[in-house]
Amino acid sequence: RGLAVDDILYDPVLSLNSSSVHHSVSDHALCSVE
């Protein structure tokens, strides 16, 4: 539906190196973080 409904929330003691959203075979995107 074009909304940002999925997420990966993280504790600020961790550092976010990268994030990605991959649209493929499901009706929701595969979300990934490092």
All heavy atoms as atom14 arrays in JSON, in Angstrom:
{
  "sequence": "RGLAVDDILYDPVLSLNSSSVHHSVSDHALCSVE",
  "atom14_mask": [
    [1, 1, 1, 1, 1, 1, 1, 1, 1, 1, 1, 0, 0, 0],
    [1, 1, 1, 1, 0, 0, 0, 0, 0, 0, 0, 0, 0, 0],
    [1, 1, 1, 1, 1, 1, 1, 1, 0, 0, 0, 0, 0, 0],
    [1, 1, 1, 1, 1, 0, 0, 0, 0, 0, 0, 0, 0, 0],
    [1, 1, 1, 1, 1, 1, 1, 0, 0, 0, 0, 0, 0, 0],
    [1, 1, 1, 1, 1, 1, 1, 1, 0, 0, 0, 0, 0, 0],
    [1, 1, 1, 1, 1, 1, 1, 1, 0, 0, 0, 0, 0, 0],
    [1, 1, 1, 1, 1, 1, 1, 1, 0, 0, 0, 0, 0, 0],
    [1, 1, 1, 1, 1, 1, 1, 1, 0, 0, 0, 0, 0, 0],
    [1, 1, 1, 1, 1, 1, 1, 1, 1, 1, 1, 1, 0, 0],
    [1, 1, 1, 1, 1, 1, 1, 1, 0, 0, 0, 0, 0, 0],
    [1, 1, 1, 1, 1, 1, 1, 0, 0, 0, 0, 0, 0, 0],
    [1, 1, 1, 1, 1, 1, 1, 0, 0, 0, 0, 0, 0, 0],
    [1, 1, 1, 1, 1, 1, 1, 1, 0, 0, 0, 0, 0, 0],
    [1, 1, 1, 1, 1, 1, 0, 0, 0, 0, 0, 0, 0, 0],
    [1, 1, 1, 1, 1, 1, 1, 1, 0, 0, 0, 0, 0, 0],
    [1, 1, 1, 1, 1, 1, 1, 1, 0, 0, 0, 0, 0, 0],
    [1, 1, 1, 1, 1, 1, 0, 0, 0, 0, 0, 0, 0, 0],
    [1, 1, 1, 1, 1, 1, 0, 0, 0, 0, 0, 0, 0, 0],
    [1, 1, 1, 1, 1, 1, 0, 0, 0, 0, 0, 0, 0, 0],
    [1, 1, 1, 1, 1, 1, 1, 0, 0, 0, 0, 0, 0, 0],
    [1, 1, 1, 1, 1, 1, 1, 1, 1, 1, 0, 0, 0, 0],
    [1, 1, 1, 1, 1, 1, 1, 1, 1, 1, 0, 0, 0, 0],
    [1, 1, 1, 1, 1, 1, 0, 0, 0, 0, 0, 0, 0, 0],
    [1, 1, 1, 1, 1, 1, 1, 0, 0, 0, 0, 0, 0, 0],
    [1, 1, 1, 1, 1, 1, 0, 0, 0, 0, 0, 0, 0, 0],
    [1, 1, 1, 1, 1, 1, 1, 1, 0, 0, 0, 0, 0, 0],
    [1, 1, 1, 1, 1, 1, 1, 1, 1, 1, 0, 0, 0, 0],
    [1, 1, 1, 1, 1, 0, 0, 0, 0, 0, 0, 0, 0, 0],
    [1, 1, 1, 1, 1, 1, 1, 1, 0, 0, 0, 0, 0, 0],
    [1, 1, 1, 1, 1, 1, 0, 0, 0, 0, 0, 0, 0, 0],
    [1, 1, 1, 1, 1, 1, 0, 0, 0, 0, 0, 0, 0, 0],
    [1, 1, 1, 1, 1, 1, 1, 0, 0, 0, 0, 0, 0, 0],
    [1, 1, 1, 1, 1, 1, 1, 1, 1, 0, 0, 0, 0, 0]
  ],
  "atom14_positions": [
    [[0.82, -1.22, 0.0], [0.0, 0.0, 0.0], [0.86, 1.26, 0.0], [0.33, 2.38, 0.09], [-0.93, 0.0, 1.2], [-2.01, -1.09, 1.15], [-3.01, -0.94, 2.28], [-4.09, -1.9, 2.16], [-4.08, -3.11, 2.71], [-3.01, -3.51, 3.4], [-5.1, -3.92, 2.57], [0.0, 0.0, 0.0], [0.0, 0.0, 0.0], [0.0, 0.0, 0.0]],
    [[2.17, 1.1, -0.06], [3.06, 2.25, -0.14], [3.35, 2.91, 1.19], [3.75, 4.08, 1.23], [0.0, 0.0, 0.0], [0.0, 0.0, 0.0], [0.0, 0.0, 0.0], [0.0, 0.0, 0.0], [0.0, 0.0, 0.0], [0.0, 0.0, 0.0], [0.0, 0.0, 0.0], [0.0, 0.0, 0.0], [0.0, 0.0, 0.0], [0.0, 0.0, 0.0]],
    [[3.18, 2.19, 2.3], [3.41, 2.76, 3.62], [4.63, 2.13, 4.28], [4.97, 0.98, 4.02], [2.18, 2.52, 4.51], [0.87, 3.13, 4.02], [-0.28, 2.71, 4.93], [0.96, 4.64, 3.93], [0.0, 0.0, 0.0], [0.0, 0.0, 0.0], [0.0, 0.0, 0.0], [0.0, 0.0, 0.0], [0.0, 0.0, 0.0], [0.0, 0.0, 0.0]],
    [[5.26, 2.9, 5.17], [6.42, 2.42, 5.9], [5.96, 1.79, 7.22], [6.13, 2.36, 8.3], [7.4, 3.56, 6.16], [0.0, 0.0, 0.0], [0.0, 0.0, 0.0], [0.0, 0.0, 0.0], [0.0, 0.0, 0.0], [0.0, 0.0, 0.0], [0.0, 0.0, 0.0], [0.0, 0.0, 0.0], [0.0, 0.0, 0.0], [0.0, 0.0, 0.0]],
    [[5.38, 0.6, 7.13], [4.79, -0.03, 8.32], [5.73, -1.01, 9.0], [5.52, -1.38, 10.16], [3.47, -0.75, 7.96], [2.45, 0.24, 7.43], [3.72, -1.86, 6.95], [0.0, 0.0, 0.0], [0.0, 0.0, 0.0], [0.0, 0.0, 0.0], [0.0, 0.0, 0.0], [0.0, 0.0, 0.0], [0.0, 0.0, 0.0], [0.0, 0.0, 0.0]],
    [[6.78, -1.45, 8.3], [7.74, -2.4, 8.87], [8.99, -1.65, 9.31], [9.39, -0.67, 8.69], [8.11, -3.45, 7.83], [6.9, -4.18, 7.29], [6.47, -5.16, 7.91], [6.36, -3.74, 6.24], [0.0, 0.0, 0.0], [0.0, 0.0, 0.0], [0.0, 0.0, 0.0], [0.0, 0.0, 0.0], [0.0, 0.0, 0.0], [0.0, 0.0, 0.0]],
    [[9.61, -2.14, 10.38], [10.79, -1.45, 10.88], [11.63, -2.39, 11.72], [11.18, -3.46, 12.15], [10.38, -0.23, 11.72], [11.39, 0.9, 11.67], [12.56, 0.65, 11.33], [11.0, 2.05, 11.98], [0.0, 0.0, 0.0], [0.0, 0.0, 0.0], [0.0, 0.0, 0.0], [0.0, 0.0, 0.0], [0.0, 0.0, 0.0], [0.0, 0.0, 0.0]],
    [[12.88, -1.96, 11.93], [13.78, -2.62, 12.86], [14.26, -1.53, 13.81], [15.07, -0.67, 13.44], [14.96, -3.29, 12.14], [14.45, -4.33, 11.14], [15.91, -3.94, 13.16], [15.54, -4.97, 10.29], [0.0, 0.0, 0.0], [0.0, 0.0, 0.0], [0.0, 0.0, 0.0], [0.0, 0.0, 0.0], [0.0, 0.0, 0.0], [0.0, 0.0, 0.0]],
    [[13.71, -1.5, 15.01], [14.1, -0.52, 16.02], [15.3, -1.05, 16.8], [15.37, -2.24, 17.1], [12.94, -0.23, 16.97], [11.6, 0.19, 16.35], [10.59, 0.51, 17.45], [11.77, 1.38, 15.42], [0.0, 0.0, 0.0], [0.0, 0.0, 0.0], [0.0, 0.0, 0.0], [0.0, 0.0, 0.0], [0.0, 0.0, 0.0], [0.0, 0.0, 0.0]],
    [[16.21, -0.16, 17.17], [17.42, -0.62, 17.84], [17.8, 0.31, 18.99], [17.51, 1.5, 18.99], [18.58, -0.74, 16.84], [19.02, 0.57, 16.23], [20.11, 1.28, 16.72], [18.33, 1.12, 15.14], [20.51, 2.48, 16.16], [18.73, 2.31, 14.57], [19.81, 2.99, 15.1], [20.2, 4.19, 14.54], [0.0, 0.0, 0.0], [0.0, 0.0, 0.0]],
    [[18.45, -0.28, 19.97], [18.94, 0.44, 21.13], [20.06, 1.39, 20.73], [20.93, 1.03, 19.94], [19.47, -0.58, 22.15], [19.69, 0.02, 23.52], [20.56, 0.92, 23.63], [19.04, -0.42, 24.48], [0.0, 0.0, 0.0], [0.0, 0.0, 0.0], [0.0, 0.0, 0.0], [0.0, 0.0, 0.0], [0.0, 0.0, 0.0], [0.0, 0.0, 0.0]],
    [[20.07, 2.63, 21.24], [21.11, 3.58, 20.84], [22.53, 3.21, 21.28], [23.48, 3.86, 20.83], [20.65, 4.9, 21.47], [19.68, 4.53, 22.52], [19.03, 3.26, 22.08], [0.0, 0.0, 0.0], [0.0, 0.0, 0.0], [0.0, 0.0, 0.0], [0.0, 0.0, 0.0], [0.0, 0.0, 0.0], [0.0, 0.0, 0.0], [0.0, 0.0, 0.0]],
    [[22.7, 2.21, 22.14], [24.06, 1.76, 22.44], [24.65, 1.02, 21.25], [25.87, 0.79, 21.19], [24.13, 0.88, 23.7], [23.55, 1.6, 24.89], [23.42, -0.45, 23.49], [0.0, 0.0, 0.0], [0.0, 0.0, 0.0], [0.0, 0.0, 0.0], [0.0, 0.0, 0.0], [0.0, 0.0, 0.0], [0.0, 0.0, 0.0], [0.0, 0.0, 0.0]],
    [[23.81, 0.63, 20.29], [24.26, 0.03, 19.04], [24.34, 1.12, 17.98], [23.61, 2.11, 18.03], [23.29, -1.06, 18.59], [22.96, -2.13, 19.63], [21.86, -3.05, 19.1], [24.19, -2.93, 20.01], [0.0, 0.0, 0.0], [0.0, 0.0, 0.0], [0.0, 0.0, 0.0], [0.0, 0.0, 0.0], [0.0, 0.0, 0.0], [0.0, 0.0, 0.0]],
    [[25.21, 0.93, 17.0], [25.35, 1.9, 15.92], [24.8, 1.31, 14.63], [25.05, 0.14, 14.32], [26.82, 2.29, 15.72], [27.34, 2.9, 16.88], [0.0, 0.0, 0.0], [0.0, 0.0, 0.0], [0.0, 0.0, 0.0], [0.0, 0.0, 0.0], [0.0, 0.0, 0.0], [0.0, 0.0, 0.0], [0.0, 0.0, 0.0], [0.0, 0.0, 0.0]],
    [[24.07, 2.12, 13.89], [23.51, 1.68, 12.61], [24.52, 1.96, 11.5], [24.8, 3.12, 11.18], [22.2, 2.42, 12.33], [21.5, 2.08, 11.01], [21.04, 0.63, 10.99], [20.32, 3.03, 10.78], [0.0, 0.0, 0.0], [0.0, 0.0, 0.0], [0.0, 0.0, 0.0], [0.0, 0.0, 0.0], [0.0, 0.0, 0.0], [0.0, 0.0, 0.0]],
    [[25.05, 0.9, 10.92], [25.97, 1.05, 9.8], [25.24, 1.25, 8.47], [25.65, 2.04, 7.63], [26.9, -0.15, 9.69], [27.88, -0.23, 10.83], [28.14, 0.77, 11.5], [28.44, -1.4, 11.07], [0.0, 0.0, 0.0], [0.0, 0.0, 0.0], [0.0, 0.0, 0.0], [0.0, 0.0, 0.0], [0.0, 0.0, 0.0], [0.0, 0.0, 0.0]],
    [[24.15, 0.48, 8.28], [23.41, 0.57, 7.02], [22.03, -0.04, 7.19], [21.79, -0.83, 8.12], [24.16, -0.15, 5.9], [24.26, -1.54, 6.17], [0.0, 0.0, 0.0], [0.0, 0.0, 0.0], [0.0, 0.0, 0.0], [0.0, 0.0, 0.0], [0.0, 0.0, 0.0], [0.0, 0.0, 0.0], [0.0, 0.0, 0.0], [0.0, 0.0, 0.0]],
    [[21.13, 0.31, 6.29], [19.8, -0.29, 6.25], [19.38, -0.42, 4.8], [19.84, 0.33, 3.93], [18.78, 0.55, 7.02], [18.62, 1.83, 6.41], [0.0, 0.0, 0.0], [0.0, 0.0, 0.0], [0.0, 0.0, 0.0], [0.0, 0.0, 0.0], [0.0, 0.0, 0.0], [0.0, 0.0, 0.0], [0.0, 0.0, 0.0], [0.0, 0.0, 0.0]],
    [[18.49, -1.37, 4.53], [18.02, -1.56, 3.16], [16.61, -2.12, 3.17], [16.18, -2.76, 4.15], [18.94, -2.51, 2.39], [18.91, -3.82, 2.95], [0.0, 0.0, 0.0], [0.0, 0.0, 0.0], [0.0, 0.0, 0.0], [0.0, 0.0, 0.0], [0.0, 0.0, 0.0], [0.0, 0.0, 0.0], [0.0, 0.0, 0.0], [0.0, 0.0, 0.0]],
    [[15.89, -1.86, 2.09], [14.53, -2.35, 1.89], [14.5, -3.03, 0.53], [14.84, -2.42, -0.48], [13.51, -1.2, 1.95], [12.13, -1.68, 1.5], [13.43, -0.63, 3.36], [0.0, 0.0, 0.0], [0.0, 0.0, 0.0], [0.0, 0.0, 0.0], [0.0, 0.0, 0.0], [0.0, 0.0, 0.0], [0.0, 0.0, 0.0], [0.0, 0.0, 0.0]],
    [[14.08, -4.31, 0.54], [14.14, -5.11, -0.68], [12.74, -5.63, -1.0], [12.19, -6.48, -0.3], [15.1, -6.29, -0.48], [15.25, -7.17, -1.68], [15.72, -6.71, -2.89], [14.98, -8.49, -1.85], [15.75, -7.71, -3.76], [15.29, -8.8, -3.16], [0.0, 0.0, 0.0], [0.0, 0.0, 0.0], [0.0, 0.0, 0.0], [0.0, 0.0, 0.0]],
    [[12.13, -5.1, -2.06], [10.81, -5.55, -2.49], [10.97, -6.75, -3.41], [11.7, -6.69, -4.4], [10.08, -4.42, -3.22], [9.75, -3.25, -2.34], [8.59, -3.17, -1.61], [10.46, -2.13, -2.05], [8.57, -2.04, -0.92], [9.7, -1.39, -1.17], [0.0, 0.0, 0.0], [0.0, 0.0, 0.0], [0.0, 0.0, 0.0], [0.0, 0.0, 0.0]],
    [[10.27, -7.84, -3.07], [10.44, -9.03, -3.9], [9.15, -9.84, -3.94], [8.15, -9.37, -4.49], [11.61, -9.87, -3.41], [11.42, -10.28, -2.07], [0.0, 0.0, 0.0], [0.0, 0.0, 0.0], [0.0, 0.0, 0.0], [0.0, 0.0, 0.0], [0.0, 0.0, 0.0], [0.0, 0.0, 0.0], [0.0, 0.0, 0.0], [0.0, 0.0, 0.0]],
    [[9.12, -11.02, -3.33], [8.03, -11.96, -3.57], [6.87, -11.86, -2.58], [5.83, -12.47, -2.79], [8.57, -13.41, -3.57], [9.52, -13.62, -4.73], [9.25, -13.74, -2.25], [0.0, 0.0, 0.0], [0.0, 0.0, 0.0], [0.0, 0.0, 0.0], [0.0, 0.0, 0.0], [0.0, 0.0, 0.0], [0.0, 0.0, 0.0], [0.0, 0.0, 0.0]],
    [[7.04, -11.13, -1.48], [5.95, -10.97, -0.52], [5.29, -9.61, -0.72], [5.82, -8.74, -1.43], [6.48, -11.09, 0.91], [5.43, -10.91, 1.85], [0.0, 0.0, 0.0], [0.0, 0.0, 0.0], [0.0, 0.0, 0.0], [0.0, 0.0, 0.0], [0.0, 0.0, 0.0], [0.0, 0.0, 0.0], [0.0, 0.0, 0.0], [0.0, 0.0, 0.0]],
    [[4.13, -9.41, -0.09], [3.47, -8.11, -0.18], [4.1, -7.1, 0.77], [3.7, -5.93, 0.79], [1.97, -8.22, 0.03], [1.6, -8.76, 1.4], [2.48, -9.3, 2.09], [0.42, -8.66, 1.78], [0.0, 0.0, 0.0], [0.0, 0.0, 0.0], [0.0, 0.0, 0.0], [0.0, 0.0, 0.0], [0.0, 0.0, 0.0], [0.0, 0.0, 0.0]],
    [[5.06, -7.52, 1.58], [5.87, -6.63, 2.41], [7.32, -6.75, 1.97], [7.76, -7.83, 1.53], [5.75, -6.99, 3.89], [4.46, -6.58, 4.51], [4.36, -5.6, 5.47], [3.2, -7.03, 4.32], [3.11, -5.46, 5.84], [2.37, -6.32, 5.16], [0.0, 0.0, 0.0], [0.0, 0.0, 0.0], [0.0, 0.0, 0.0], [0.0, 0.0, 0.0]],
    [[8.06, -5.68, 2.13], [9.47, -5.69, 1.77], [10.28, -6.41, 2.85], [9.92, -6.44, 4.03], [9.99, -4.27, 1.62], [0.0, 0.0, 0.0], [0.0, 0.0, 0.0], [0.0, 0.0, 0.0], [0.0, 0.0, 0.0], [0.0, 0.0, 0.0], [0.0, 0.0, 0.0], [0.0, 0.0, 0.0], [0.0, 0.0, 0.0], [0.0, 0.0, 0.0]],
    [[11.38, -6.99, 2.42], [12.38, -7.57, 3.31], [13.27, -6.43, 3.79], [13.95, -5.78, 3.0], [13.19, -8.62, 2.57], [14.43, -9.2, 3.24], [14.09, -9.86, 4.57], [15.11, -10.2, 2.3], [0.0, 0.0, 0.0], [0.0, 0.0, 0.0], [0.0, 0.0, 0.0], [0.0, 0.0, 0.0], [0.0, 0.0, 0.0], [0.0, 0.0, 0.0]],
    [[13.25, -6.16, 5.09], [14.02, -5.06, 5.69], [15.27, -5.63, 6.35], [15.2, -6.64, 7.06], [13.19, -4.33, 6.72], [11.64, -3.63, 6.08], [0.0, 0.0, 0.0], [0.0, 0.0, 0.0], [0.0, 0.0, 0.0], [0.0, 0.0, 0.0], [0.0, 0.0, 0.0], [0.0, 0.0, 0.0], [0.0, 0.0, 0.0], [0.0, 0.0, 0.0]],
    [[16.4, -4.97, 6.16], [17.66, -5.45, 6.71], [18.48, -4.29, 7.26], [18.45, -3.18, 6.7], [18.49, -6.2, 5.66], [17.78, -7.32, 5.17], [0.0, 0.0, 0.0], [0.0, 0.0, 0.0], [0.0, 0.0, 0.0], [0.0, 0.0, 0.0], [0.0, 0.0, 0.0], [0.0, 0.0, 0.0], [0.0, 0.0, 0.0], [0.0, 0.0, 0.0]],
    [[19.22, -4.56, 8.34], [20.14, -3.57, 8.9], [21.45, -4.26, 9.24], [21.5, -5.46, 9.49], [19.58, -2.9, 10.16], [18.29, -2.14, 9.85], [19.35, -3.91, 11.28], [0.0, 0.0, 0.0], [0.0, 0.0, 0.0], [0.0, 0.0, 0.0], [0.0, 0.0, 0.0], [0.0, 0.0, 0.0], [0.0, 0.0, 0.0], [0.0, 0.0, 0.0]],
    [[22.51, -3.45, 9.25], [23.77, -3.88, 9.83], [24.06, -2.98, 11.02], [24.1, -1.75, 10.88], [24.9, -3.78, 8.8], [26.25, -4.24, 9.36], [27.37, -4.13, 8.37], [27.48, -5.06, 7.51], [28.12, -3.14, 8.43], [0.0, 0.0, 0.0], [0.0, 0.0, 0.0], [0.0, 0.0, 0.0], [0.0, 0.0, 0.0], [0.0, 0.0, 0.0]]
  ]
}
